[in-house]
């Protein structure tokens, strides 16, 4: 118990250094997964990766990041232009509420905004953006060093484990972690993409502003278990309510997005995941709250991969295997080499 408290204390205190490193490790996983996929497609299985496939994976990640940054910047400018129109629509909605409820007076938009202290909020936003920019450089440095170090990792294992049996067991453990994490990332990315595209279709059909931006937000938030899906549904629905003068578009968007999230998250995704992760839903929720409280938003995104790694490691030792059983969904664990 003392060791656990100390570990989480170090995780919280070292957040500024450990979070970028954890994000860099996940990006490193994605780059290697893309590289192996390119190797299977281009080299037809003769070799999983080489410098050509690694460069292709890096270029792919950079291009996707550039497109996303441009889209976010463009939508921020468009939102600034559309705010006056949303303000008028919101005032009309308040007037309708007054008529329907019989209230004599509701706070005006100006009165509501006057009660909000924008100074601290702006300061926090600027600090957050500055932190993101600073961490981006640190993350890129970490990723670069991980890509360089991975060539010597196998050689280091040879020196660390002179016993062939221990060497084989360690390789199987690392291979298990890599396989499960890549399975989670691949399937979660595919499901998030499907959810984003289906949601984009509904938003475009209704005529909601910034449909592409909201579809990307839905795609991104789907990596956060449970809470991410709820937030990804609420915000576009609220924008629809403010944008239009009637409730019908809001109901279409709210019901449509909720239906997509439920169908993909509770029907399609569990079938694709199968027992590859075998995490208890309660454990997923608790890990989300735990890592969110320790590392914030980044911890929420990383909560499932971190928990998967922890369960695999705990299951590989006889003394900690009961803990892994408690973390699992049905108590059945993959057998690893002794």
C-alpha atoms as a PDB file:
ATOM      1  CA  UNK A   1       0.000   0.000   0.000  1.00  0.00           C
ATOM      2  CA  UNK A   2       2.851   2.373   0.832  1.00  0.00           C
ATOM      3  CA  UNK A   3       4.507   1.549  -2.497  1.00  0.00           C
ATOM      4  CA  UNK A   4       1.241   2.245  -4.362  1.00  0.00           C
ATOM      5  CA  UNK A   5       0.817   5.625  -2.636  1.00  0.00           C
ATOM      6  CA  UNK A   6       4.437   6.541  -3.424  1.00  0.00           C
ATOM      7  CA  UNK A   7       4.046   5.510  -7.073  1.00  0.00           C
ATOM      8  CA  UNK A   8       0.935   7.633  -7.613  1.00  0.00           C
ATOM      9  CA  UNK A   9       2.519  10.526  -5.743  1.00  0.00           C
ATOM     10  CA  UNK A  10       5.462  10.386  -8.154  1.00  0.00           C
ATOM     11  CA  UNK A  11       3.064  10.126 -11.119  1.00  0.00           C
ATOM     12  CA  UNK A  12       1.175  13.232  -9.968  1.00  0.00           C
ATOM     13  CA  UNK A  13       4.281  15.262  -9.104  1.00  0.00           C
ATOM     14  CA  UNK A  14       6.089  14.274 -12.317  1.00  0.00           C
ATOM     15  CA  UNK A  15       3.051  14.877 -14.515  1.00  0.00           C
ATOM     16  CA  UNK A  16       4.773  17.521 -16.663  1.00  0.00           C
ATOM     17  CA  UNK A  17       7.486  15.027 -17.685  1.00  0.00           C
ATOM     18  CA  UNK A  18       5.668  11.688 -17.552  1.00  0.00           C
ATOM     19  CA  UNK A  19       2.533  12.620 -19.530  1.00  0.00           C
ATOM     20  CA  UNK A  20       4.483  13.718 -22.649  1.00  0.00           C
ATOM     21  CA  UNK A  21       6.557  10.542 -22.415  1.00  0.00           C
ATOM     22  CA  UNK A  22       3.424   8.358 -22.134  1.00  0.00           C
ATOM     23  CA  UNK A  23       1.882  10.132 -25.145  1.00  0.00           C
ATOM     24  CA  UNK A  24       5.173   9.683 -27.037  1.00  0.00           C
ATOM     25  CA  UNK A  25       5.118   5.944 -26.312  1.00  0.00           C
ATOM     26  CA  UNK A  26       1.595   5.677 -27.744  1.00  0.00           C
ATOM     27  CA  UNK A  27       2.628   7.622 -30.867  1.00  0.00           C
ATOM     28  CA  UNK A  28       5.663   5.344 -31.142  1.00  0.00           C
ATOM     29  CA  UNK A  29       3.330   2.333 -31.015  1.00  0.00           C
ATOM     30  CA  UNK A  30       1.147   3.821 -33.763  1.00  0.00           C
ATOM     31  CA  UNK A  31       4.155   4.610 -35.980  1.00  0.00           C
ATOM     32  CA  UNK A  32       5.474   1.066 -35.650  1.00  0.00           C
ATOM     33  CA  UNK A  33       2.024  -0.409 -36.283  1.00  0.00           C
ATOM     34  CA  UNK A  34       1.704   1.677 -39.467  1.00  0.00           C
ATOM     35  CA  UNK A  35       5.223   0.696 -40.483  1.00  0.00           C
ATOM     36  CA  UNK A  36       4.411  -2.993 -40.085  1.00  0.00           C
ATOM     37  CA  UNK A  37       1.190  -2.559 -42.057  1.00  0.00           C
ATOM     38  CA  UNK A  38       3.060  -0.837 -44.883  1.00  0.00           C
ATOM     39  CA  UNK A  39       5.614  -3.653 -44.729  1.00  0.00           C
ATOM     40  CA  UNK A  40       2.905  -6.293 -45.189  1.00  0.00           C
ATOM     41  CA  UNK A  41       1.361  -4.369 -48.085  1.00  0.00           C
ATOM     42  CA  UNK A  42       4.542  -3.337 -49.894  1.00  0.00           C
ATOM     43  CA  UNK A  43       6.944  -6.160 -49.020  1.00  0.00           C
ATOM     44  CA  UNK A  44       4.290  -8.922 -49.074  1.00  0.00           C
ATOM     45  CA  UNK A  45       5.360 -10.305 -45.722  1.00  0.00           C
ATOM     46  CA  UNK A  46       9.014 -10.797 -46.637  1.00  0.00           C
ATOM     47  CA  UNK A  47       9.966  -8.294 -43.969  1.00  0.00           C
ATOM     48  CA  UNK A  48       7.717  -6.520 -41.515  1.00  0.00           C
ATOM     49  CA  UNK A  49       9.534  -3.178 -41.341  1.00  0.00           C
ATOM     50  CA  UNK A  50      12.502  -1.285 -42.763  1.00  0.00           C
ATOM     51  CA  UNK A  51      13.543   2.342 -43.068  1.00  0.00           C
ATOM     52  CA  UNK A  52      11.247   2.897 -46.066  1.00  0.00           C
ATOM     53  CA  UNK A  53       8.089   1.764 -44.238  1.00  0.00           C
ATOM     54  CA  UNK A  54       9.155   3.707 -41.150  1.00  0.00           C
ATOM     55  CA  UNK A  55       9.503   6.920 -43.183  1.00  0.00           C
ATOM     56  CA  UNK A  56       6.116   6.293 -44.814  1.00  0.00           C
ATOM     57  CA  UNK A  57       4.545   5.901 -41.371  1.00  0.00           C
ATOM     58  CA  UNK A  58       6.164   9.134 -40.133  1.00  0.00           C
ATOM     59  CA  UNK A  59       5.011  11.048 -43.221  1.00  0.00           C
ATOM     60  CA  UNK A  60       1.484   9.690 -42.734  1.00  0.00           C
ATOM     61  CA  UNK A  61       1.360  10.857 -39.107  1.00  0.00           C
ATOM     62  CA  UNK A  62       2.743  14.304 -40.022  1.00  0.00           C
ATOM     63  CA  UNK A  63       0.265  14.781 -42.885  1.00  0.00           C
ATOM     64  CA  UNK A  64      -2.711  13.766 -40.720  1.00  0.00           C
ATOM     65  CA  UNK A  65      -1.564  16.103 -37.928  1.00  0.00           C
ATOM     66  CA  UNK A  66      -1.166  18.981 -40.402  1.00  0.00           C
ATOM     67  CA  UNK A  67      -4.659  18.478 -41.838  1.00  0.00           C
ATOM     68  CA  UNK A  68      -6.193  18.360 -38.356  1.00  0.00           C
ATOM     69  CA  UNK A  69      -4.384  21.536 -37.220  1.00  0.00           C
ATOM     70  CA  UNK A  70      -5.543  23.421 -40.335  1.00  0.00           C
ATOM     71  CA  UNK A  71      -9.122  22.247 -39.822  1.00  0.00           C
ATOM     72  CA  UNK A  72      -9.151  23.334 -36.167  1.00  0.00           C
ATOM     73  CA  UNK A  73      -7.709  26.765 -37.000  1.00  0.00           C
ATOM     74  CA  UNK A  74     -10.233  27.288 -39.792  1.00  0.00           C
ATOM     75  CA  UNK A  75     -13.165  26.299 -37.593  1.00  0.00           C
ATOM     76  CA  UNK A  76     -12.030  28.605 -34.778  1.00  0.00           C
ATOM     77  CA  UNK A  77     -12.167  31.543 -37.211  1.00  0.00           C
ATOM     78  CA  UNK A  78     -15.617  30.481 -38.450  1.00  0.00           C
ATOM     79  CA  UNK A  79     -16.926  30.116 -34.900  1.00  0.00           C
ATOM     80  CA  UNK A  80     -15.856  33.694 -34.134  1.00  0.00           C
ATOM     81  CA  UNK A  81     -17.885  34.919 -37.116  1.00  0.00           C
ATOM     82  CA  UNK A  82     -20.952  32.862 -36.197  1.00  0.00           C
ATOM     83  CA  UNK A  83     -21.130  33.865 -32.508  1.00  0.00           C
ATOM     84  CA  UNK A  84     -23.372  36.949 -33.081  1.00  0.00           C
ATOM     85  CA  UNK A  85     -25.955  34.802 -34.883  1.00  0.00           C
ATOM     86  CA  UNK A  86     -25.935  32.226 -32.103  1.00  0.00           C
ATOM     87  CA  UNK A  87     -26.417  35.010 -29.591  1.00  0.00           C
ATOM     88  CA  UNK A  88     -29.573  36.210 -31.350  1.00  0.00           C
ATOM     89  CA  UNK A  89     -30.957  32.679 -31.572  1.00  0.00           C
ATOM     90  CA  UNK A  90     -30.290  32.127 -27.881  1.00  0.00           C
ATOM     91  CA  UNK A  91     -32.124  35.342 -27.001  1.00  0.00           C
ATOM     92  CA  UNK A  92     -35.113  34.183 -29.074  1.00  0.00           C
ATOM     93  CA  UNK A  93     -35.061  30.846 -27.237  1.00  0.00           C
ATOM     94  CA  UNK A  94     -35.105  32.636 -23.874  1.00  0.00           C
ATOM     95  CA  UNK A  95     -38.077  34.712 -25.034  1.00  0.00           C
ATOM     96  CA  UNK A  96     -39.956  31.543 -26.036  1.00  0.00           C
ATOM     97  CA  UNK A  97     -39.178  29.971 -22.655  1.00  0.00           C
ATOM     98  CA  UNK A  98     -40.586  33.045 -20.932  1.00  0.00           C
ATOM     99  CA  UNK A  99     -43.791  32.815 -22.961  1.00  0.00           C
ATOM    100  CA  UNK A 100     -44.240  29.089 -22.388  1.00  0.00           C
ATOM    101  CA  UNK A 101     -43.450  29.122 -18.670  1.00  0.00           C
ATOM    102  CA  UNK A 102     -45.156  32.412 -17.865  1.00  0.00           C
ATOM    103  CA  UNK A 103     -42.054  33.859 -16.238  1.00  0.00           C
ATOM    104  CA  UNK A 104     -41.930  37.626 -16.228  1.00  0.00           C
ATOM    105  CA  UNK A 105     -38.207  37.967 -16.807  1.00  0.00           C
ATOM    106  CA  UNK A 106     -35.183  35.800 -17.483  1.00  0.00           C
ATOM    107  CA  UNK A 107     -31.568  36.992 -17.394  1.00  0.00           C
ATOM    108  CA  UNK A 108     -30.501  38.446 -20.721  1.00  0.00           C
ATOM    109  CA  UNK A 109     -27.445  37.219 -22.582  1.00  0.00           C
ATOM    110  CA  UNK A 110     -25.572  40.342 -21.539  1.00  0.00           C
ATOM    111  CA  UNK A 111     -26.468  39.785 -17.893  1.00  0.00           C
ATOM    112  CA  UNK A 112     -25.357  36.170 -18.106  1.00  0.00           C
ATOM    113  CA  UNK A 113     -22.022  37.058 -19.688  1.00  0.00           C
ATOM    114  CA  UNK A 114     -21.464  39.874 -17.187  1.00  0.00           C
ATOM    115  CA  UNK A 115     -21.634  37.340 -14.355  1.00  0.00           C
ATOM    116  CA  UNK A 116     -18.864  35.257 -15.951  1.00  0.00           C
ATOM    117  CA  UNK A 117     -15.342  36.260 -15.075  1.00  0.00           C
ATOM    118  CA  UNK A 118     -13.499  35.943 -18.374  1.00  0.00           C
ATOM    119  CA  UNK A 119     -10.103  37.066 -17.060  1.00  0.00           C
ATOM    120  CA  UNK A 120      -9.208  33.891 -15.156  1.00  0.00           C
ATOM    121  CA  UNK A 121     -10.715  31.713 -17.888  1.00  0.00           C
ATOM    122  CA  UNK A 122      -8.626  33.390 -20.594  1.00  0.00           C
ATOM    123  CA  UNK A 123      -5.509  33.111 -18.456  1.00  0.00           C
ATOM    124  CA  UNK A 124      -6.117  29.393 -17.945  1.00  0.00           C
ATOM    125  CA  UNK A 125      -6.766  28.901 -21.661  1.00  0.00           C
ATOM    126  CA  UNK A 126      -3.540  30.672 -22.620  1.00  0.00           C
ATOM    127  CA  UNK A 127      -1.606  28.638 -20.053  1.00  0.00           C
ATOM    128  CA  UNK A 128      -3.124  25.400 -21.393  1.00  0.00           C
ATOM    129  CA  UNK A 129      -2.277  26.283 -24.999  1.00  0.00           C
ATOM    130  CA  UNK A 130       1.262  27.224 -23.999  1.00  0.00           C
ATOM    131  CA  UNK A 131       1.632  23.930 -22.193  1.00  0.00           C
ATOM    132  CA  UNK A 132       0.371  21.989 -25.211  1.00  0.00           C
ATOM    133  CA  UNK A 133       2.860  23.719 -27.518  1.00  0.00           C
ATOM    134  CA  UNK A 134       5.705  23.085 -25.100  1.00  0.00           C
ATOM    135  CA  UNK A 135       4.727  19.444 -24.651  1.00  0.00           C
ATOM    136  CA  UNK A 136       4.488  18.966 -28.413  1.00  0.00           C
ATOM    137  CA  UNK A 137       8.191  19.679 -28.777  1.00  0.00           C
ATOM    138  CA  UNK A 138       9.018  17.389 -25.850  1.00  0.00           C
ATOM    139  CA  UNK A 139       6.803  14.626 -27.261  1.00  0.00           C
ATOM    140  CA  UNK A 140       8.543  14.850 -30.649  1.00  0.00           C
ATOM    141  CA  UNK A 141      11.931  14.565 -28.939  1.00  0.00           C
ATOM    142  CA  UNK A 142      10.775  11.501 -26.991  1.00  0.00           C
ATOM    143  CA  UNK A 143       9.386   9.864 -30.147  1.00  0.00           C
ATOM    144  CA  UNK A 144      12.634  10.496 -32.015  1.00  0.00           C
ATOM    145  CA  UNK A 145      14.728   8.907 -29.284  1.00  0.00           C
ATOM    146  CA  UNK A 146      12.354   5.936 -29.012  1.00  0.00           C
ATOM    147  CA  UNK A 147      12.660   5.302 -32.750  1.00  0.00           C
ATOM    148  CA  UNK A 148      16.458   5.432 -32.488  1.00  0.00           C
ATOM    149  CA  UNK A 149      16.604   3.236 -29.374  1.00  0.00           C
ATOM    150  CA  UNK A 150      14.308   0.517 -30.717  1.00  0.00           C
ATOM    151  CA  UNK A 151      17.072  -0.823 -32.971  1.00  0.00           C
ATOM    152  CA  UNK A 152      19.216  -1.725 -29.946  1.00  0.00           C
ATOM    153  CA  UNK A 153      16.394  -2.982 -27.710  1.00  0.00           C
ATOM    154  CA  UNK A 154      16.767  -6.643 -28.696  1.00  0.00           C
ATOM    155  CA  UNK A 155      20.512  -6.491 -28.068  1.00  0.00           C
ATOM    156  CA  UNK A 156      19.908  -5.033 -24.599  1.00  0.00           C
ATOM    157  CA  UNK A 157      17.561  -7.920 -23.775  1.00  0.00           C
ATOM    158  CA  UNK A 158      20.348 -10.362 -24.686  1.00  0.00           C
ATOM    159  CA  UNK A 159      22.635  -8.731 -22.123  1.00  0.00           C
ATOM    160  CA  UNK A 160      19.920  -8.408 -19.475  1.00  0.00           C
ATOM    161  CA  UNK A 161      18.706 -12.015 -19.673  1.00  0.00           C
ATOM    162  CA  UNK A 162      21.479 -14.537 -20.174  1.00  0.00           C
ATOM    163  CA  UNK A 163      19.147 -17.426 -19.342  1.00  0.00           C
ATOM    164  CA  UNK A 164      17.374 -18.438 -22.611  1.00  0.00           C
ATOM    165  CA  UNK A 165      14.171 -19.335 -20.758  1.00  0.00           C
ATOM    166  CA  UNK A 166      13.965 -15.938 -19.039  1.00  0.00           C
ATOM    167  CA  UNK A 167      14.777 -14.265 -22.333  1.00  0.00           C
ATOM    168  CA  UNK A 168      11.963 -16.118 -24.086  1.00  0.00           C
ATOM    169  CA  UNK A 169       9.494 -15.335 -21.270  1.00  0.00           C
ATOM    170  CA  UNK A 170      10.366 -11.630 -21.405  1.00  0.00           C
ATOM    171  CA  UNK A 171       9.966 -11.562 -25.185  1.00  0.00           C
ATOM    172  CA  UNK A 172       6.540 -13.197 -24.907  1.00  0.00           C
ATOM    173  CA  UNK A 173       5.488 -10.700 -22.246  1.00  0.00           C
ATOM    174  CA  UNK A 174       6.570  -7.718 -24.355  1.00  0.00           C
ATOM    175  CA  UNK A 175       4.996  -9.257 -27.445  1.00  0.00           C
ATOM    176  CA  UNK A 176       1.724  -9.757 -25.533  1.00  0.00           C
ATOM    177  CA  UNK A 177       1.694  -6.127 -24.398  1.00  0.00           C
ATOM    178  CA  UNK A 178       2.465  -4.890 -27.891  1.00  0.00           C
ATOM    179  CA  UNK A 179      -0.166  -7.113 -29.507  1.00  0.00           C
ATOM    180  CA  UNK A 180      -2.966  -6.149 -27.109  1.00  0.00           C
ATOM    181  CA  UNK A 181      -2.177  -2.437 -27.223  1.00  0.00           C
ATOM    182  CA  UNK A 182      -2.063  -2.465 -31.021  1.00  0.00           C
ATOM    183  CA  UNK A 183      -5.318  -4.433 -31.127  1.00  0.00           C
ATOM    184  CA  UNK A 184      -6.977  -1.867 -28.883  1.00  0.00           C
ATOM    185  CA  UNK A 185      -5.626   1.117 -30.826  1.00  0.00           C
ATOM    186  CA  UNK A 186      -6.489  -0.386 -34.226  1.00  0.00           C
ATOM    187  CA  UNK A 187     -10.049  -1.402 -33.369  1.00  0.00           C
ATOM    188  CA  UNK A 188     -10.719   1.751 -31.336  1.00  0.00           C
ATOM    189  CA  UNK A 189      -9.448   3.926 -34.198  1.00  0.00           C
ATOM    190  CA  UNK A 190     -11.618   2.065 -36.705  1.00  0.00           C
ATOM    191  CA  UNK A 191     -14.709   2.316 -34.501  1.00  0.00           C
ATOM    192  CA  UNK A 192     -14.069   5.984 -33.756  1.00  0.00           C
ATOM    193  CA  UNK A 193     -13.679   6.649 -37.487  1.00  0.00           C
ATOM    194  CA  UNK A 194     -16.950   4.859 -38.270  1.00  0.00           C
ATOM    195  CA  UNK A 195     -18.710   6.773 -35.487  1.00  0.00           C
ATOM    196  CA  UNK A 196     -17.300  10.085 -36.734  1.00  0.00           C
ATOM    197  CA  UNK A 197     -18.314   9.428 -40.347  1.00  0.00           C
ATOM    198  CA  UNK A 198     -21.856   8.338 -39.440  1.00  0.00           C
ATOM    199  CA  UNK A 199     -22.222  11.347 -37.155  1.00  0.00           C
ATOM    200  CA  UNK A 200     -20.908  13.602 -39.925  1.00  0.00           C
ATOM    201  CA  UNK A 201     -23.632  12.269 -42.222  1.00  0.00           C
ATOM    202  CA  UNK A 202     -26.351  13.149 -39.710  1.00  0.00           C
ATOM    203  CA  UNK A 203     -24.896  16.609 -39.008  1.00  0.00           C
ATOM    204  CA  UNK A 204     -24.617  17.390 -42.729  1.00  0.00           C
ATOM    205  CA  UNK A 205     -28.144  16.136 -43.405  1.00  0.00           C
ATOM    206  CA  UNK A 206     -29.555  18.386 -40.662  1.00  0.00           C
ATOM    207  CA  UNK A 207     -27.365  21.327 -41.736  1.00  0.00           C
ATOM    208  CA  UNK A 208     -25.436  21.805 -38.494  1.00  0.00           C
ATOM    209  CA  UNK A 209     -22.583  24.305 -38.691  1.00  0.00           C
ATOM    210  CA  UNK A 210     -18.991  23.034 -38.526  1.00  0.00           C
ATOM    211  CA  UNK A 211     -20.066  19.429 -39.176  1.00  0.00           C
ATOM    212  CA  UNK A 212     -16.521  18.326 -40.068  1.00  0.00           C
ATOM    213  CA  UNK A 213     -15.111  19.812 -36.868  1.00  0.00           C
ATOM    214  CA  UNK A 214     -17.759  18.129 -34.709  1.00  0.00           C
ATOM    215  CA  UNK A 215     -17.195  14.815 -36.512  1.00  0.00           C
ATOM    216  CA  UNK A 216     -13.482  15.062 -35.731  1.00  0.00           C
ATOM    217  CA  UNK A 217     -14.309  15.933 -32.106  1.00  0.00           C
ATOM    218  CA  UNK A 218     -16.559  12.865 -31.889  1.00  0.00           C
ATOM    219  CA  UNK A 219     -13.782  10.731 -33.394  1.00  0.00           C
ATOM    220  CA  UNK A 220     -11.283  12.039 -30.848  1.00  0.00           C
ATOM    221  CA  UNK A 221     -13.513  11.854 -27.769  1.00  0.00           C
ATOM    222  CA  UNK A 222     -14.446   8.248 -28.501  1.00  0.00           C
ATOM    223  CA  UNK A 223     -10.994   7.244 -27.252  1.00  0.00           C
ATOM    224  CA  UNK A 224     -12.166   8.266 -23.767  1.00  0.00           C
ATOM    225  CA  UNK A 225     -14.359   5.449 -22.414  1.00  0.00           C
ATOM    226  CA  UNK A 226     -17.973   6.274 -21.472  1.00  0.00           C
ATOM    227  CA  UNK A 227     -17.538   9.976 -20.672  1.00  0.00           C
ATOM    228  CA  UNK A 228     -16.087  10.750 -24.094  1.00  0.00           C
ATOM    229  CA  UNK A 229     -19.135   9.325 -25.865  1.00  0.00           C
ATOM    230  CA  UNK A 230     -21.491  11.369 -23.692  1.00  0.00           C
ATOM    231  CA  UNK A 231     -19.604  14.630 -24.273  1.00  0.00           C
ATOM    232  CA  UNK A 232     -19.321  13.880 -28.010  1.00  0.00           C
ATOM    233  CA  UNK A 233     -23.120  13.691 -28.187  1.00  0.00           C
ATOM    234  CA  UNK A 234     -24.058  16.599 -25.918  1.00  0.00           C
ATOM    235  CA  UNK A 235     -22.022  19.398 -27.487  1.00  0.00           C
ATOM    236  CA  UNK A 236     -23.165  18.999 -31.135  1.00  0.00           C
ATOM    237  CA  UNK A 237     -26.744  18.619 -29.913  1.00  0.00           C
ATOM    238  CA  UNK A 238     -26.528  21.849 -27.888  1.00  0.00           C
ATOM    239  CA  UNK A 239     -25.059  23.714 -30.874  1.00  0.00           C
ATOM    240  CA  UNK A 240     -27.961  22.455 -32.999  1.00  0.00           C
ATOM    241  CA  UNK A 241     -30.428  23.732 -30.407  1.00  0.00           C
ATOM    242  CA  UNK A 242     -28.826  27.186 -30.471  1.00  0.00           C
ATOM    243  CA  UNK A 243     -28.394  27.302 -34.251  1.00  0.00           C
ATOM    244  CA  UNK A 244     -32.010  26.558 -35.239  1.00  0.00           C
ATOM    245  CA  UNK A 245     -35.219  28.203 -34.119  1.00  0.00           C
ATOM    246  CA  UNK A 246     -37.143  24.955 -33.577  1.00  0.00           C
ATOM    247  CA  UNK A 247     -36.527  21.806 -31.579  1.00  0.00           C
ATOM    248  CA  UNK A 248     -36.871  19.272 -34.411  1.00  0.00           C
ATOM    249  CA  UNK A 249     -33.234  19.460 -35.658  1.00  0.00           C
ATOM    250  CA  UNK A 250     -32.036  19.169 -32.058  1.00  0.00           C
ATOM    251  CA  UNK A 251     -34.067  15.997 -31.525  1.00  0.00           C
ATOM    252  CA  UNK A 252     -32.817  14.486 -34.790  1.00  0.00           C
ATOM    253  CA  UNK A 253     -29.184  15.170 -33.896  1.00  0.00           C
ATOM    254  CA  UNK A 254     -29.521  14.078 -30.261  1.00  0.00           C
ATOM    255  CA  UNK A 255     -31.342  10.828 -31.068  1.00  0.00           C
ATOM    256  CA  UNK A 256     -29.181  10.092 -34.123  1.00  0.00           C
ATOM    257  CA  UNK A 257     -25.830  10.618 -32.402  1.00  0.00           C
ATOM    258  CA  UNK A 258     -26.955   8.715 -29.309  1.00  0.00           C
ATOM    259  CA  UNK A 259     -28.113   5.809 -31.467  1.00  0.00           C
ATOM    260  CA  UNK A 260     -24.785   5.695 -33.322  1.00  0.00           C
ATOM    261  CA  UNK A 261     -22.785   5.795 -30.092  1.00  0.00           C
ATOM    262  CA  UNK A 262     -24.908   3.023 -28.562  1.00  0.00           C
ATOM    263  CA  UNK A 263     -24.833   0.754 -31.629  1.00  0.00           C
ATOM    264  CA  UNK A 264     -21.109   1.102 -32.352  1.00  0.00           C
ATOM    265  CA  UNK A 265     -19.983   1.136 -28.714  1.00  0.00           C
ATOM    266  CA  UNK A 266     -22.215  -1.640 -27.372  1.00  0.00           C
ATOM    267  CA  UNK A 267     -22.818  -3.910 -30.381  1.00  0.00           C
ATOM    268  CA  UNK A 268     -20.100  -3.626 -33.028  1.00  0.00           C
ATOM    269  CA  UNK A 269     -17.016  -2.784 -30.941  1.00  0.00           C
ATOM    270  CA  UNK A 270     -17.422  -5.586 -28.341  1.00  0.00           C
ATOM    271  CA  UNK A 271     -17.727  -8.149 -31.149  1.00  0.00           C
ATOM    272  CA  UNK A 272     -14.526  -6.924 -32.802  1.00  0.00           C
ATOM    273  CA  UNK A 273     -12.637  -6.646 -29.527  1.00  0.00           C
ATOM    274  CA  UNK A 274     -13.842 -10.039 -28.346  1.00  0.00           C
ATOM    275  CA  UNK A 275     -11.719 -11.264 -25.448  1.00  0.00           C
ATOM    276  CA  UNK A 276      -8.522  -9.614 -26.704  1.00  0.00           C
ATOM    277  CA  UNK A 277      -8.499  -7.131 -23.834  1.00  0.00           C
ATOM    278  CA  UNK A 278     -10.844  -8.891 -21.398  1.00  0.00           C
ATOM    279  CA  UNK A 279     -11.073  -5.869 -19.097  1.00  0.00           C
ATOM    280  CA  UNK A 280     -13.946  -5.515 -16.664  1.00  0.00           C
ATOM    281  CA  UNK A 281     -16.213  -2.549 -17.576  1.00  0.00           C
ATOM    282  CA  UNK A 282     -16.105  -1.440 -13.935  1.00  0.00           C
ATOM    283  CA  UNK A 283     -12.296  -1.514 -14.027  1.00  0.00           C
ATOM    284  CA  UNK A 284     -12.335   0.556 -17.233  1.00  0.00           C
ATOM    285  CA  UNK A 285     -14.539   3.162 -15.554  1.00  0.00           C
ATOM    286  CA  UNK A 286     -12.443   3.223 -12.378  1.00  0.00           C
ATOM    287  CA  UNK A 287      -9.206   3.506 -14.363  1.00  0.00           C
ATOM    288  CA  UNK A 288     -10.734   6.385 -16.316  1.00  0.00           C
ATOM    289  CA  UNK A 289     -11.513   8.255 -13.094  1.00  0.00           C
ATOM    290  CA  UNK A 290      -8.157   7.359 -11.524  1.00  0.00           C
ATOM    291  CA  UNK A 291      -5.919   8.356 -14.420  1.00  0.00           C
ATOM    292  CA  UNK A 292      -8.091  11.362 -15.180  1.00  0.00           C
ATOM    293  CA  UNK A 293      -7.556  12.624 -11.631  1.00  0.00           C
ATOM    294  CA  UNK A 294      -3.790  11.973 -11.843  1.00  0.00           C
ATOM    295  CA  UNK A 295      -2.995  13.110 -15.393  1.00  0.00           C
ATOM    296  CA  UNK A 296      -6.106  15.027 -16.504  1.00  0.00           C
ATOM    297  CA  UNK A 297      -7.416  14.691 -20.080  1.00  0.00           C
ATOM    298  CA  UNK A 298      -4.267  12.889 -21.226  1.00  0.00           C
ATOM    299  CA  UNK A 299      -4.810  10.332 -18.468  1.00  0.00           C
ATOM    300  CA  UNK A 300      -8.330   9.677 -19.715  1.00  0.00           C
ATOM    301  CA  UNK A 301      -7.046   8.909 -23.202  1.00  0.00           C
ATOM    302  CA  UNK A 302      -4.295   6.656 -21.828  1.00  0.00           C
ATOM    303  CA  UNK A 303      -6.341   4.945 -19.107  1.00  0.00           C
ATOM    304  CA  UNK A 304      -7.251   1.803 -21.062  1.00  0.00           C
ATOM    305  CA  UNK A 305      -3.781   1.141 -22.577  1.00  0.00           C
ATOM    306  CA  UNK A 306      -2.141   1.648 -19.172  1.00  0.00           C
ATOM    307  CA  UNK A 307      -4.628  -0.719 -17.510  1.00  0.00           C
ATOM    308  CA  UNK A 308      -4.095  -3.337 -20.236  1.00  0.00           C
ATOM    309  CA  UNK A 309      -0.320  -3.194 -19.695  1.00  0.00           C
ATOM    310  CA  UNK A 310      -0.786  -3.468 -15.927  1.00  0.00           C
ATOM    311  CA  UNK A 311      -3.067  -6.511 -16.245  1.00  0.00           C
ATOM    312  CA  UNK A 312      -0.675  -8.324 -18.618  1.00  0.00           C
ATOM    313  CA  UNK A 313       2.285  -7.709 -16.324  1.00  0.00           C
ATOM    314  CA  UNK A 314       0.342  -8.750 -13.211  1.00  0.00           C
ATOM    315  CA  UNK A 315      -0.873 -11.915 -14.946  1.00  0.00           C
ATOM    316  CA  UNK A 316       2.673 -12.996 -15.772  1.00  0.00           C
ATOM    317  CA  UNK A 317       3.698 -13.524 -12.123  1.00  0.00           C
ATOM    318  CA  UNK A 318       2.160 -16.058  -9.744  1.00  0.00           C
ATOM    319  CA  UNK A 319       2.105 -13.640  -6.801  1.00  0.00           C
ATOM    320  CA  UNK A 320       0.182 -10.919  -8.642  1.00  0.00           C
ATOM    321  CA  UNK A 321      -1.994 -13.103 -10.890  1.00  0.00           C
ATOM    322  CA  UNK A 322      -5.040 -12.883  -8.531  1.00  0.00           C
ATOM    323  CA  UNK A 323      -5.025  -9.093  -9.007  1.00  0.00           C
ATOM    324  CA  UNK A 324      -5.097  -9.607 -12.780  1.00  0.00           C
ATOM    325  CA  UNK A 325      -8.058 -11.966 -12.346  1.00  0.00           C
ATOM    326  CA  UNK A 326      -9.936  -9.224 -10.481  1.00  0.00           C
ATOM    327  CA  UNK A 327      -9.160  -6.731 -13.255  1.00  0.00           C
ATOM    328  CA  UNK A 328     -10.416  -9.092 -15.974  1.00  0.00           C
ATOM    329  CA  UNK A 329     -13.969  -9.336 -17.233  1.00  0.00           C
ATOM    330  CA  UNK A 330     -14.537 -13.069 -16.749  1.00  0.00           C
ATOM    331  CA  UNK A 331     -11.470 -14.233 -14.808  1.00  0.00           C
ATOM    332  CA  UNK A 332      -9.894 -16.013 -17.790  1.00  0.00           C
ATOM    333  CA  UNK A 333      -6.365 -14.854 -18.549  1.00  0.00           C
ATOM    334  CA  UNK A 334      -4.098 -15.574 -21.460  1.00  0.00           C
ATOM    335  CA  UNK A 335      -1.468 -18.124 -20.546  1.00  0.00           C
ATOM    336  CA  UNK A 336       2.056 -16.771 -20.688  1.00  0.00           C
ATOM    337  CA  UNK A 337       5.303 -18.638 -20.591  1.00  0.00           C
ATOM    338  CA  UNK A 338       6.590 -19.313 -17.111  1.00  0.00           C
END
